[in-house]
Amino acid sequence: MQRSWKNSRKGAPPLRYSSPPVFPIVFYDGNRNWTAARNFQERTTLSDLLKSYIPDFEYIVVPLSRYSNQKLIEKQDELSLIMLIDKLRNAADFHQLTEIPKNTLIISAIILRTLCLS
């Protein structure tokens, strides 16, 4: 988040800069439905005492169980690859990675590495 703000501020005139929006997303890989509060303050310890210092926002929950491994493989994009890797639980799941076109894996790996290093 900080890196995104810093990069977007480059070249902006002083005192006229405003931060871009951030959409908090939780990729949930559990077997059951999400039941916890979606408000960050409600899920933070001591929020009643430190409310002024804890960001107040709701996050979007994306249940990975709604997406089949095959559907994620077909999308052939970086986010789908990350979601697929997060869903891997056993040897059979890992075997499905062989169905991903090699070009997609190579391009995704380069993009992910670039994002992690920037």
PDB file of N, CA and C in Angstrom:
ATOM      1  N   MET A   1       0.831  -1.177   0.000  1.00  0.00           N
ATOM      2  CA  MET A   1       0.000   0.000   0.000  1.00  0.00           C
ATOM      3  C   MET A   1       0.881   1.248   0.000  1.00  0.00           C
ATOM      4  N   GLN A   2       1.866   1.226   0.883  1.00  0.00           N
ATOM      5  CA  GLN A   2       2.760   2.382   0.958  1.00  0.00           C
ATOM      6  C   GLN A   2       3.513   2.569  -0.354  1.00  0.00           C
ATOM      7  N   ARG A   3       3.964   1.459  -0.954  1.00  0.00           N
ATOM      8  CA  ARG A   3       4.701   1.532  -2.214  1.00  0.00           C
ATOM      9  C   ARG A   3       3.814   2.117  -3.305  1.00  0.00           C
ATOM     10  N   SER A   4       2.557   1.720  -3.331  1.00  0.00           N
ATOM     11  CA  SER A   4       1.617   2.237  -4.328  1.00  0.00           C
ATOM     12  C   SER A   4       1.442   3.737  -4.165  1.00  0.00           C
ATOM     13  N   TRP A   5       1.276   4.191  -2.934  1.00  0.00           N
ATOM     14  CA  TRP A   5       1.118   5.629  -2.686  1.00  0.00           C
ATOM     15  C   TRP A   5       2.378   6.386  -3.085  1.00  0.00           C
ATOM     16  N   LYS A   6       3.534   5.825  -2.716  1.00  0.00           N
ATOM     17  CA  LYS A   6       4.800   6.494  -3.018  1.00  0.00           C
ATOM     18  C   LYS A   6       4.993   6.625  -4.526  1.00  0.00           C
ATOM     19  N   ASN A   7       4.713   5.548  -5.261  1.00  0.00           N
ATOM     20  CA  ASN A   7       4.868   5.578  -6.714  1.00  0.00           C
ATOM     21  C   ASN A   7       3.879   6.537  -7.367  1.00  0.00           C
ATOM     22  N   SER A   8       2.672   6.639  -6.849  1.00  0.00           N
ATOM     23  CA  SER A   8       1.676   7.517  -7.463  1.00  0.00           C
ATOM     24  C   SER A   8       1.976   8.991  -7.180  1.00  0.00           C
ATOM     25  N   ARG A   9       2.745   9.242  -6.129  1.00  0.00           N
ATOM     26  CA  ARG A   9       3.068  10.621  -5.741  1.00  0.00           C
ATOM     27  C   ARG A   9       4.192  11.205  -6.603  1.00  0.00           C
ATOM     28  N   LYS A  10       4.959  10.357  -7.252  1.00  0.00           N
ATOM     29  CA  LYS A  10       6.077  10.833  -8.074  1.00  0.00           C
ATOM     30  C   LYS A  10       5.544  11.771  -9.154  1.00  0.00           C
ATOM     31  N   GLY A  11       6.110  12.929  -9.228  1.00  0.00           N
ATOM     32  CA  GLY A  11       5.730  13.891 -10.258  1.00  0.00           C
ATOM     33  C   GLY A  11       4.508  14.722  -9.910  1.00  0.00           C
ATOM     34  N   ALA A  12       3.884  14.464  -8.781  1.00  0.00           N
ATOM     35  CA  ALA A  12       2.712  15.257  -8.381  1.00  0.00           C
ATOM     36  C   ALA A  12       3.166  16.581  -7.790  1.00  0.00           C
ATOM     37  N   PRO A  13       2.463  17.675  -8.096  1.00  0.00           N
ATOM     38  CA  PRO A  13       2.843  18.969  -7.526  1.00  0.00           C
ATOM     39  C   PRO A  13       2.703  18.947  -6.003  1.00  0.00           C
ATOM     40  N   PRO A  14       3.606  19.622  -5.275  1.00  0.00           N
ATOM     41  CA  PRO A  14       3.509  19.661  -3.816  1.00  0.00           C
ATOM     42  C   PRO A  14       2.178  20.256  -3.366  1.00  0.00           C
ATOM     43  N   LEU A  15       1.658  19.758  -2.284  1.00  0.00           N
ATOM     44  CA  LEU A  15       0.432  20.223  -1.644  1.00  0.00           C
ATOM     45  C   LEU A  15      -0.832  19.959  -2.461  1.00  0.00           C
ATOM     46  N   ARG A  16      -0.714  19.354  -3.605  1.00  0.00           N
ATOM     47  CA  ARG A  16      -1.904  19.029  -4.400  1.00  0.00           C
ATOM     48  C   ARG A  16      -2.086  17.526  -4.538  1.00  0.00           C
ATOM     49  N   TYR A  17      -1.299  16.780  -3.831  1.00  0.00           N
ATOM     50  CA  TYR A  17      -1.323  15.334  -3.946  1.00  0.00           C
ATOM     51  C   TYR A  17      -2.407  14.737  -3.052  1.00  0.00           C
ATOM     52  N   SER A  18      -3.129  13.753  -3.570  1.00  0.00           N
ATOM     53  CA  SER A  18      -4.040  12.964  -2.738  1.00  0.00           C
ATOM     54  C   SER A  18      -3.780  11.492  -3.049  1.00  0.00           C
ATOM     55  N   SER A  19      -3.928  10.668  -2.054  1.00  0.00           N
ATOM     56  CA  SER A  19      -3.630   9.241  -2.193  1.00  0.00           C
ATOM     57  C   SER A  19      -4.680   8.545  -3.035  1.00  0.00           C
ATOM     58  N   PRO A  20      -4.249   7.546  -3.808  1.00  0.00           N
ATOM     59  CA  PRO A  20      -5.225   6.764  -4.560  1.00  0.00           C
ATOM     60  C   PRO A  20      -6.007   5.861  -3.603  1.00  0.00           C
ATOM     61  N   PRO A  21      -7.201   5.422  -3.993  1.00  0.00           N
ATOM     62  CA  PRO A  21      -7.975   4.547  -3.108  1.00  0.00           C
ATOM     63  C   PRO A  21      -7.320   3.169  -2.977  1.00  0.00           C
ATOM     64  N   VAL A  22      -7.544   2.557  -1.850  1.00  0.00           N
ATOM     65  CA  VAL A  22      -7.072   1.203  -1.590  1.00  0.00           C
ATOM     66  C   VAL A  22      -8.293   0.366  -1.249  1.00  0.00           C
ATOM     67  N   PHE A  23      -8.445  -0.752  -1.950  1.00  0.00           N
ATOM     68  CA  PHE A  23      -9.563  -1.650  -1.679  1.00  0.00           C
ATOM     69  C   PHE A  23      -9.035  -2.873  -0.950  1.00  0.00           C
ATOM     70  N   PRO A  24      -9.311  -2.967   0.350  1.00  0.00           N
ATOM     71  CA  PRO A  24      -8.809  -4.124   1.106  1.00  0.00           C
ATOM     72  C   PRO A  24      -9.607  -5.382   0.758  1.00  0.00           C
ATOM     73  N   ILE A  25      -8.889  -6.428   0.394  1.00  0.00           N
ATOM     74  CA  ILE A  25      -9.509  -7.683  -0.017  1.00  0.00           C
ATOM     75  C   ILE A  25      -8.887  -8.821   0.783  1.00  0.00           C
ATOM     76  N   VAL A  26      -9.737  -9.724   1.275  1.00  0.00           N
ATOM     77  CA  VAL A  26      -9.286 -10.935   1.949  1.00  0.00           C
ATOM     78  C   VAL A  26      -9.645 -12.113   1.052  1.00  0.00           C
ATOM     79  N   PHE A  27      -8.641 -12.884   0.655  1.00  0.00           N
ATOM     80  CA  PHE A  27      -8.896 -14.110  -0.091  1.00  0.00           C
ATOM     81  C   PHE A  27      -9.039 -15.228   0.936  1.00  0.00           C
ATOM     82  N   TYR A  28     -10.273 -15.676   1.128  1.00  0.00           N
ATOM     83  CA  TYR A  28     -10.592 -16.654   2.163  1.00  0.00           C
ATOM     84  C   TYR A  28     -10.555 -18.054   1.577  1.00  0.00           C
ATOM     85  N   ASP A  29      -9.719 -18.916   2.164  1.00  0.00           N
ATOM     86  CA  ASP A  29      -9.584 -20.270   1.630  1.00  0.00           C
ATOM     87  C   ASP A  29     -10.176 -21.335   2.557  1.00  0.00           C
ATOM     88  N   GLY A  30     -11.023 -20.936   3.491  1.00  0.00           N
ATOM     89  CA  GLY A  30     -11.658 -21.893   4.389  1.00  0.00           C
ATOM     90  C   GLY A  30     -12.774 -22.680   3.718  1.00  0.00           C
ATOM     91  N   ASN A  31     -13.181 -23.756   4.374  1.00  0.00           N
ATOM     92  CA  ASN A  31     -14.249 -24.613   3.834  1.00  0.00           C
ATOM     93  C   ASN A  31     -15.641 -24.116   4.190  1.00  0.00           C
ATOM     94  N   ARG A  32     -15.746 -23.349   5.235  1.00  0.00           N
ATOM     95  CA  ARG A  32     -17.052 -22.845   5.682  1.00  0.00           C
ATOM     96  C   ARG A  32     -17.258 -21.412   5.211  1.00  0.00           C
ATOM     97  N   ASN A  33     -18.474 -20.912   5.400  1.00  0.00           N
ATOM     98  CA  ASN A  33     -18.753 -19.518   5.049  1.00  0.00           C
ATOM     99  C   ASN A  33     -18.038 -18.581   6.012  1.00  0.00           C
ATOM    100  N   TRP A  34     -17.673 -17.411   5.527  1.00  0.00           N
ATOM    101  CA  TRP A  34     -17.045 -16.376   6.353  1.00  0.00           C
ATOM    102  C   TRP A  34     -18.087 -15.852   7.324  1.00  0.00           C
ATOM    103  N   THR A  35     -17.783 -15.866   8.610  1.00  0.00           N
ATOM    104  CA  THR A  35     -18.744 -15.396   9.611  1.00  0.00           C
ATOM    105  C   THR A  35     -18.208 -14.240  10.454  1.00  0.00           C
ATOM    106  N   ALA A  36     -16.926 -13.974  10.363  1.00  0.00           N
ATOM    107  CA  ALA A  36     -16.325 -12.903  11.171  1.00  0.00           C
ATOM    108  C   ALA A  36     -16.759 -11.538  10.640  1.00  0.00           C
ATOM    109  N   ALA A  37     -16.644 -10.537  11.496  1.00  0.00           N
ATOM    110  CA  ALA A  37     -16.955  -9.163  11.101  1.00  0.00           C
ATOM    111  C   ALA A  37     -16.058  -8.754   9.931  1.00  0.00           C
ATOM    112  N   ARG A  38     -16.581  -7.919   9.077  1.00  0.00           N
ATOM    113  CA  ARG A  38     -15.805  -7.430   7.933  1.00  0.00           C
ATOM    114  C   ARG A  38     -15.266  -6.028   8.178  1.00  0.00           C
ATOM    115  N   ASN A  39     -15.506  -5.508   9.338  1.00  0.00           N
ATOM    116  CA  ASN A  39     -14.994  -4.191   9.692  1.00  0.00           C
ATOM    117  C   ASN A  39     -13.687  -4.376  10.452  1.00  0.00           C
ATOM    118  N   PHE A  40     -12.638  -3.708   9.994  1.00  0.00           N
ATOM    119  CA  PHE A  40     -11.309  -3.880  10.579  1.00  0.00           C
ATOM    120  C   PHE A  40     -11.282  -3.507  12.058  1.00  0.00           C
ATOM    121  N   GLN A  41     -11.917  -2.394  12.427  1.00  0.00           N
ATOM    122  CA  GLN A  41     -11.914  -1.974  13.832  1.00  0.00           C
ATOM    123  C   GLN A  41     -12.566  -3.022  14.729  1.00  0.00           C
ATOM    124  N   GLU A  42     -13.638  -3.637  14.248  1.00  0.00           N
ATOM    125  CA  GLU A  42     -14.334  -4.642  15.056  1.00  0.00           C
ATOM    126  C   GLU A  42     -13.482  -5.875  15.305  1.00  0.00           C
ATOM    127  N   ARG A  43     -12.490  -6.118  14.447  1.00  0.00           N
ATOM    128  CA  ARG A  43     -11.648  -7.305  14.575  1.00  0.00           C
ATOM    129  C   ARG A  43     -10.293  -7.001  15.222  1.00  0.00           C
ATOM    130  N   THR A  44     -10.128  -5.787  15.727  1.00  0.00           N
ATOM    131  CA  THR A  44      -8.848  -5.373  16.291  1.00  0.00           C
ATOM    132  C   THR A  44      -8.933  -5.309  17.814  1.00  0.00           C
ATOM    133  N   THR A  45      -7.955  -5.907  18.477  1.00  0.00           N
ATOM    134  CA  THR A  45      -7.888  -5.899  19.932  1.00  0.00           C
ATOM    135  C   THR A  45      -7.752  -4.464  20.445  1.00  0.00           C
ATOM    136  N   LEU A  46      -8.422  -4.176  21.527  1.00  0.00           N
ATOM    137  CA  LEU A  46      -8.395  -2.869  22.194  1.00  0.00           C
ATOM    138  C   LEU A  46      -8.949  -1.740  21.330  1.00  0.00           C
ATOM    139  N   SER A  47      -9.784  -2.073  20.362  1.00  0.00           N
ATOM    140  CA  SER A  47     -10.317  -1.037  19.474  1.00  0.00           C
ATOM    141  C   SER A  47     -11.182  -0.031  20.233  1.00  0.00           C
ATOM    142  N   ASP A  48     -11.782  -0.450  21.345  1.00  0.00           N
ATOM    143  CA  ASP A  48     -12.584   0.495  22.127  1.00  0.00           C
ATOM    144  C   ASP A  48     -11.702   1.579  22.757  1.00  0.00           C
ATOM    145  N   LEU A  49     -10.469   1.221  23.140  1.00  0.00           N
ATOM    146  CA  LEU A  49      -9.561   2.193  23.760  1.00  0.00           C
ATOM    147  C   LEU A  49      -8.755   2.990  22.731  1.00  0.00           C
ATOM    148  N   LEU A  50      -8.438   2.342  21.614  1.00  0.00           N
ATOM    149  CA  LEU A  50      -7.538   2.957  20.634  1.00  0.00           C
ATOM    150  C   LEU A  50      -8.242   3.293  19.317  1.00  0.00           C
ATOM    151  N   LYS A  51      -9.535   3.477  19.376  1.00  0.00           N
ATOM    152  CA  LYS A  51     -10.342   3.684  18.176  1.00  0.00           C
ATOM    153  C   LYS A  51      -9.795   4.780  17.255  1.00  0.00           C
ATOM    154  N   SER A  52      -9.317   5.864  17.819  1.00  0.00           N
ATOM    155  CA  SER A  52      -8.818   6.986  17.020  1.00  0.00           C
ATOM    156  C   SER A  52      -7.581   6.617  16.203  1.00  0.00           C
ATOM    157  N   TYR A  53      -6.895   5.545  16.579  1.00  0.00           N
ATOM    158  CA  TYR A  53      -5.638   5.181  15.930  1.00  0.00           C
ATOM    159  C   TYR A  53      -5.747   3.937  15.057  1.00  0.00           C
ATOM    160  N   ILE A  54      -6.942   3.360  14.995  1.00  0.00           N
ATOM    161  CA  ILE A  54      -7.149   2.152  14.198  1.00  0.00           C
ATOM    162  C   ILE A  54      -7.997   2.509  12.984  1.00  0.00           C
ATOM    163  N   PRO A  55      -7.509   2.216  11.792  1.00  0.00           N
ATOM    164  CA  PRO A  55      -8.283   2.544  10.587  1.00  0.00           C
ATOM    165  C   PRO A  55      -9.666   1.904  10.624  1.00  0.00           C
ATOM    166  N   ASP A  56     -10.638   2.648  10.174  1.00  0.00           N
ATOM    167  CA  ASP A  56     -12.020   2.169  10.155  1.00  0.00           C
ATOM    168  C   ASP A  56     -12.423   1.913   8.702  1.00  0.00           C
ATOM    169  N   PHE A  57     -12.425   0.649   8.321  1.00  0.00           N
ATOM    170  CA  PHE A  57     -12.821   0.289   6.962  1.00  0.00           C
ATOM    171  C   PHE A  57     -13.379  -1.124   6.950  1.00  0.00           C
ATOM    172  N   GLU A  58     -14.113  -1.433   5.907  1.00  0.00           N
ATOM    173  CA  GLU A  58     -14.599  -2.792   5.694  1.00  0.00           C
ATOM    174  C   GLU A  58     -13.819  -3.380   4.540  1.00  0.00           C
ATOM    175  N   TYR A  59     -13.589  -4.678   4.616  1.00  0.00           N
ATOM    176  CA  TYR A  59     -12.866  -5.328   3.534  1.00  0.00           C
ATOM    177  C   TYR A  59     -13.789  -6.286   2.800  1.00  0.00           C
ATOM    178  N   ILE A  60     -13.416  -6.546   1.560  1.00  0.00           N
ATOM    179  CA  ILE A  60     -14.162  -7.462   0.706  1.00  0.00           C
ATOM    180  C   ILE A  60     -13.616  -8.858   0.946  1.00  0.00           C
ATOM    181  N   VAL A  61     -14.499  -9.832   1.137  1.00  0.00           N
ATOM    182  CA  VAL A  61     -14.080 -11.215   1.316  1.00  0.00           C
ATOM    183  C   VAL A  61     -14.363 -11.979   0.018  1.00  0.00           C
ATOM    184  N   VAL A  62     -13.314 -12.571  -0.541  1.00  0.00           N
ATOM    185  CA  VAL A  62     -13.449 -13.381  -1.751  1.00  0.00           C
ATOM    186  C   VAL A  62     -13.233 -14.840  -1.358  1.00  0.00           C
ATOM    187  N   PRO A  63     -14.324 -15.624  -1.289  1.00  0.00           N
ATOM    188  CA  PRO A  63     -14.169 -17.040  -0.931  1.00  0.00           C
ATOM    189  C   PRO A  63     -13.602 -17.837  -2.115  1.00  0.00           C
ATOM    190  N   LEU A  64     -12.411 -18.365  -1.960  1.00  0.00           N
ATOM    191  CA  LEU A  64     -11.764 -19.095  -3.040  1.00  0.00           C
ATOM    192  C   LEU A  64     -12.519 -20.360  -3.427  1.00  0.00           C
ATOM    193  N   SER A  65     -13.328 -20.883  -2.524  1.00  0.00           N
ATOM    194  CA  SER A  65     -14.083 -22.104  -2.819  1.00  0.00           C
ATOM    195  C   SER A  65     -15.107 -21.894  -3.934  1.00  0.00           C
ATOM    196  N   ARG A  66     -15.438 -20.656  -4.234  1.00  0.00           N
ATOM    197  CA  ARG A  66     -16.385 -20.376  -5.327  1.00  0.00           C
ATOM    198  C   ARG A  66     -15.764 -20.516  -6.705  1.00  0.00           C
ATOM    199  N   TYR A  67     -14.441 -20.644  -6.755  1.00  0.00           N
ATOM    200  CA  TYR A  67     -13.739 -20.739  -8.022  1.00  0.00           C
ATOM    201  C   TYR A  67     -13.102 -22.117  -8.140  1.00  0.00           C
ATOM    202  N   SER A  68     -13.457 -22.851  -9.177  1.00  0.00           N
ATOM    203  CA  SER A  68     -12.836 -24.161  -9.384  1.00  0.00           C
ATOM    204  C   SER A  68     -11.396 -23.953  -9.841  1.00  0.00           C
ATOM    205  N   ASN A  69     -10.559 -24.950  -9.584  1.00  0.00           N
ATOM    206  CA  ASN A  69      -9.174 -24.856 -10.028  1.00  0.00           C
ATOM    207  C   ASN A  69      -9.121 -24.693 -11.542  1.00  0.00           C
ATOM    208  N   GLN A  70      -9.983 -25.419 -12.238  1.00  0.00           N
ATOM    209  CA  GLN A  70      -9.990 -25.346 -13.699  1.00  0.00           C
ATOM    210  C   GLN A  70     -10.333 -23.938 -14.178  1.00  0.00           C
ATOM    211  N   LYS A  71     -11.310 -23.300 -13.537  1.00  0.00           N
ATOM    212  CA  LYS A  71     -11.708 -21.942 -13.920  1.00  0.00           C
ATOM    213  C   LYS A  71     -10.538 -20.972 -13.728  1.00  0.00           C
ATOM    214  N   LEU A  72      -9.804 -21.129 -12.630  1.00  0.00           N
ATOM    215  CA  LEU A  72      -8.656 -20.261 -12.373  1.00  0.00           C
ATOM    216  C   LEU A  72      -7.546 -20.498 -13.396  1.00  0.00           C
ATOM    217  N   ILE A  73      -7.338 -21.753 -13.772  1.00  0.00           N
ATOM    218  CA  ILE A  73      -6.329 -22.075 -14.779  1.00  0.00           C
ATOM    219  C   ILE A  73      -6.701 -21.435 -16.116  1.00  0.00           C
ATOM    220  N   GLU A  74      -7.985 -21.482 -16.460  1.00  0.00           N
ATOM    221  CA  GLU A  74      -8.448 -20.931 -17.741  1.00  0.00           C
ATOM    222  C   GLU A  74      -8.272 -19.419 -17.834  1.00  0.00           C
ATOM    223  N   LYS A  75      -8.321 -18.717 -16.714  1.00  0.00           N
ATOM    224  CA  LYS A  75      -8.199 -17.256 -16.736  1.00  0.00           C
ATOM    225  C   LYS A  75      -6.816 -16.792 -17.195  1.00  0.00           C
ATOM    226  N   GLN A  76      -5.791 -17.560 -16.886  1.00  0.00           N
ATOM    227  CA  GLN A  76      -4.418 -17.275 -17.307  1.00  0.00           C
ATOM    228  C   GLN A  76      -3.952 -15.864 -16.941  1.00  0.00           C
ATOM    229  N   ASP A  77      -4.201 -15.448 -15.711  1.00  0.00           N
ATOM    230  CA  ASP A  77      -3.670 -14.164 -15.249  1.00  0.00           C
ATOM    231  C   ASP A  77      -2.996 -14.356 -13.892  1.00  0.00           C
ATOM    232  N   GLU A  78      -2.269 -13.336 -13.461  1.00  0.00           N
ATOM    233  CA  GLU A  78      -1.460 -13.445 -12.246  1.00  0.00           C
ATOM    234  C   GLU A  78      -2.308 -13.656 -10.994  1.00  0.00           C
ATOM    235  N   LEU A  79      -3.392 -12.910 -10.877  1.00  0.00           N
ATOM    236  CA  LEU A  79      -4.229 -13.031  -9.689  1.00  0.00           C
ATOM    237  C   LEU A  79      -4.838 -14.429  -9.584  1.00  0.00           C
ATOM    238  N   SER A  80      -5.284 -14.966 -10.699  1.00  0.00           N
ATOM    239  CA  SER A  80      -5.851 -16.320 -10.697  1.00  0.00           C
ATOM    240  C   SER A  80      -4.794 -17.347 -10.312  1.00  0.00           C
ATOM    241  N   LEU A  81      -3.558 -17.134 -10.749  1.00  0.00           N
ATOM    242  CA  LEU A  81      -2.474 -18.043 -10.385  1.00  0.00           C
ATOM    243  C   LEU A  81      -2.216 -17.996  -8.875  1.00  0.00           C
ATOM    244  N   ILE A  82      -2.215 -16.816  -8.302  1.00  0.00           N
ATOM    245  CA  ILE A  82      -2.031 -16.675  -6.852  1.00  0.00           C
ATOM    246  C   ILE A  82      -3.178 -17.368  -6.111  1.00  0.00           C
ATOM    247  N   MET A  83      -4.404 -17.159  -6.581  1.00  0.00           N
ATOM    248  CA  MET A  83      -5.560 -17.794  -5.950  1.00  0.00           C
ATOM    249  C   MET A  83      -5.455 -19.319  -6.049  1.00  0.00           C
ATOM    250  N   LEU A  84      -5.027 -19.812  -7.195  1.00  0.00           N
ATOM    251  CA  LEU A  84      -4.883 -21.253  -7.394  1.00  0.00           C
ATOM    252  C   LEU A  84      -3.835 -21.828  -6.451  1.00  0.00           C
ATOM    253  N   ILE A  85      -2.698 -21.179  -6.357  1.00  0.00           N
ATOM    254  CA  ILE A  85      -1.635 -21.660  -5.473  1.00  0.00           C
ATOM    255  C   ILE A  85      -2.123 -21.692  -4.026  1.00  0.00           C
ATOM    256  N   ASP A  86      -2.903 -20.688  -3.636  1.00  0.00           N
ATOM    257  CA  ASP A  86      -3.432 -20.646  -2.272  1.00  0.00           C
ATOM    258  C   ASP A  86      -4.403 -21.796  -2.003  1.00  0.00           C
ATOM    259  N   LYS A  87      -5.056 -22.297  -3.028  1.00  0.00           N
ATOM    260  CA  LYS A  87      -6.026 -23.382  -2.862  1.00  0.00           C
ATOM    261  C   LYS A  87      -5.389 -24.766  -2.804  1.00  0.00           C
ATOM    262  N   LEU A  88      -4.112 -24.891  -3.158  1.00  0.00           N
ATOM    263  CA  LEU A  88      -3.460 -26.200  -3.205  1.00  0.00           C
ATOM    264  C   LEU A  88      -3.411 -26.837  -1.823  1.00  0.00           C
ATOM    265  N   ARG A  89      -3.892 -28.060  -1.735  1.00  0.00           N
ATOM    266  CA  ARG A  89      -3.941 -28.740  -0.438  1.00  0.00           C
ATOM    267  C   ARG A  89      -3.296 -30.129  -0.453  1.00  0.00           C
ATOM    268  N   ASN A  90      -3.203 -30.760  -1.624  1.00  0.00           N
ATOM    269  CA  ASN A  90      -2.683 -32.123  -1.683  1.00  0.00           C
ATOM    270  C   ASN A  90      -1.980 -32.358  -3.014  1.00  0.00           C
ATOM    271  N   ALA A  91      -1.426 -33.574  -3.187  1.00  0.00           N
ATOM    272  CA  ALA A  91      -0.655 -33.892  -4.391  1.00  0.00           C
ATOM    273  C   ALA A  91      -1.503 -33.771  -5.654  1.00  0.00           C
ATOM    274  N   ALA A  92      -2.758 -34.158  -5.587  1.00  0.00           N
ATOM    275  CA  ALA A  92      -3.636 -34.065  -6.762  1.00  0.00           C
ATOM    276  C   ALA A  92      -3.818 -32.605  -7.181  1.00  0.00           C
ATOM    277  N   ASP A  93      -3.934 -31.711  -6.203  1.00  0.00           N
ATOM    278  CA  ASP A  93      -4.057 -30.290  -6.519  1.00  0.00           C
ATOM    279  C   ASP A  93      -2.788 -29.779  -7.195  1.00  0.00           C
ATOM    280  N   PHE A  94      -1.635 -30.189  -6.690  1.00  0.00           N
ATOM    281  CA  PHE A  94      -0.365 -29.764  -7.281  1.00  0.00           C
ATOM    282  C   PHE A  94      -0.234 -30.279  -8.713  1.00  0.00           C
ATOM    283  N   HIS A  95      -0.754 -31.482  -8.960  1.00  0.00           N
ATOM    284  CA  HIS A  95      -0.689 -32.060 -10.295  1.00  0.00           C
ATOM    285  C   HIS A  95      -1.431 -31.183 -11.308  1.00  0.00           C
ATOM    286  N   GLN A  96      -2.481 -30.476 -10.872  1.00  0.00           N
ATOM    287  CA  GLN A  96      -3.231 -29.623 -11.781  1.00  0.00           C
ATOM    288  C   GLN A  96      -2.393 -28.455 -12.302  1.00  0.00           C
ATOM    289  N   LEU A  97      -1.320 -28.122 -11.622  1.00  0.00           N
ATOM    290  CA  LEU A  97      -0.456 -27.042 -12.092  1.00  0.00           C
ATOM    291  C   LEU A  97       0.160 -27.376 -13.446  1.00  0.00           C
ATOM    292  N   THR A  98       0.267 -28.660 -13.763  1.00  0.00           N
ATOM    293  CA  THR A  98       0.823 -29.042 -15.062  1.00  0.00           C
ATOM    294  C   THR A  98      -0.108 -28.651 -16.205  1.00  0.00           C
ATOM    295  N   GLU A  99      -1.374 -28.340 -15.904  1.00  0.00           N
ATOM    296  CA  GLU A  99      -2.331 -27.931 -16.927  1.00  0.00           C
ATOM    297  C   GLU A  99      -2.198 -26.452 -17.292  1.00  0.00           C
ATOM    298  N   ILE A 100      -1.443 -25.712 -16.517  1.00  0.00           N
ATOM    299  CA  ILE A 100      -1.267 -24.278 -16.788  1.00  0.00           C
ATOM    300  C   ILE A 100      -0.259 -24.123 -17.920  1.00  0.00           C
ATOM    301  N   PRO A 101      -0.605 -23.379 -18.968  1.00  0.00           N
ATOM    302  CA  PRO A 101       0.362 -23.168 -20.060  1.00  0.00           C
ATOM    303  C   PRO A 101       1.658 -22.557 -19.538  1.00  0.00           C
ATOM    304  N   LYS A 102       2.794 -23.072 -20.024  1.00  0.00           N
ATOM    305  CA  LYS A 102       4.100 -22.617 -19.538  1.00  0.00           C
ATOM    306  C   LYS A 102       4.305 -21.123 -19.742  1.00  0.00           C
ATOM    307  N   ASN A 103       3.810 -20.571 -20.846  1.00  0.00           N
ATOM    308  CA  ASN A 103       3.943 -19.125 -21.071  1.00  0.00           C
ATOM    309  C   ASN A 103       3.290 -18.336 -19.957  1.00  0.00           C
ATOM    310  N   THR A 104       2.126 -18.789 -19.519  1.00  0.00           N
ATOM    311  CA  THR A 104       1.414 -18.096 -18.442  1.00  0.00           C
ATOM    312  C   THR A 104       2.234 -18.130 -17.159  1.00  0.00           C
ATOM    313  N   LEU A 105       2.814 -19.288 -16.847  1.00  0.00           N
ATOM    314  CA  LEU A 105       3.628 -19.406 -15.627  1.00  0.00           C
ATOM    315  C   LEU A 105       4.858 -18.514 -15.688  1.00  0.00           C
ATOM    316  N   ILE A 106       5.523 -18.478 -16.816  1.00  0.00           N
ATOM    317  CA  ILE A 106       6.743 -17.676 -16.947  1.00  0.00           C
ATOM    318  C   ILE A 106       6.416 -16.186 -16.837  1.00  0.00           C
ATOM    319  N   ILE A 107       5.409 -15.733 -17.573  1.00  0.00           N
ATOM    320  CA  ILE A 107       5.025 -14.315 -17.535  1.00  0.00           C
ATOM    321  C   ILE A 107       4.558 -13.935 -16.134  1.00  0.00           C
ATOM    322  N   SER A 108       3.754 -14.795 -15.510  1.00  0.00           N
ATOM    323  CA  SER A 108       3.260 -14.511 -14.161  1.00  0.00           C
ATOM    324  C   SER A 108       4.407 -14.427 -13.170  1.00  0.00           C
ATOM    325  N   ALA A 109       5.365 -15.334 -13.288  1.00  0.00           N
ATOM    326  CA  ALA A 109       6.512 -15.330 -12.374  1.00  0.00           C
ATOM    327  C   ALA A 109       7.315 -14.041 -12.524  1.00  0.00           C
ATOM    328  N   ILE A 110       7.512 -13.590 -13.750  1.00  0.00           N
ATOM    329  CA  ILE A 110       8.263 -12.344 -13.986  1.00  0.00           C
ATOM    330  C   ILE A 110       7.527 -11.161 -13.392  1.00  0.00           C
ATOM    331  N   ILE A 111       6.221 -11.087 -13.623  1.00  0.00           N
ATOM    332  CA  ILE A 111       5.434  -9.959 -13.100  1.00  0.00           C
ATOM    333  C   ILE A 111       5.423  -9.981 -11.571  1.00  0.00           C
ATOM    334  N   LEU A 112       5.190 -11.136 -10.988  1.00  0.00           N
ATOM    335  CA  LEU A 112       5.148 -11.241  -9.519  1.00  0.00           C
ATOM    336  C   LEU A 112       6.498 -10.873  -8.911  1.00  0.00           C
ATOM    337  N   ARG A 113       7.580 -11.322  -9.540  1.00  0.00           N
ATOM    338  CA  ARG A 113       8.916 -10.990  -9.032  1.00  0.00           C
ATOM    339  C   ARG A 113       9.150  -9.480  -9.109  1.00  0.00           C
ATOM    340  N   THR A 114       8.727  -8.883 -10.203  1.00  0.00           N
ATOM    341  CA  THR A 114       8.878  -7.428 -10.365  1.00  0.00           C
ATOM    342  C   THR A 114       8.098  -6.682  -9.295  1.00  0.00           C
ATOM    343  N   LEU A 115       6.876  -7.136  -9.033  1.00  0.00           N
ATOM    344  CA  LEU A 115       6.054  -6.485  -8.014  1.00  0.00           C
ATOM    345  C   LEU A 115       6.674  -6.615  -6.623  1.00  0.00           C
ATOM    346  N   CYS A 116       7.240  -7.760  -6.347  1.00  0.00           N
ATOM    347  CA  CYS A 116       7.837  -7.987  -5.026  1.00  0.00           C
ATOM    348  C   CYS A 116       9.115  -7.185  -4.824  1.00  0.00           C
ATOM    349  N   LEU A 117       9.829  -6.933  -5.890  1.00  0.00           N
ATOM    350  CA  LEU A 117      11.108  -6.225  -5.782  1.00  0.00           C
ATOM    351  C   LEU A 117      10.970  -4.711  -5.883  1.00  0.00           C
ATOM    352  N   SER A 118       9.846  -4.223  -6.404  1.00  0.00           N
ATOM    353  CA  SER A 118       9.715  -2.768  -6.575  1.00  0.00           C
ATOM    354  C   SER A 118       9.300  -2.066  -5.302  1.00  0.00           C
TER     355      SER A 118
END
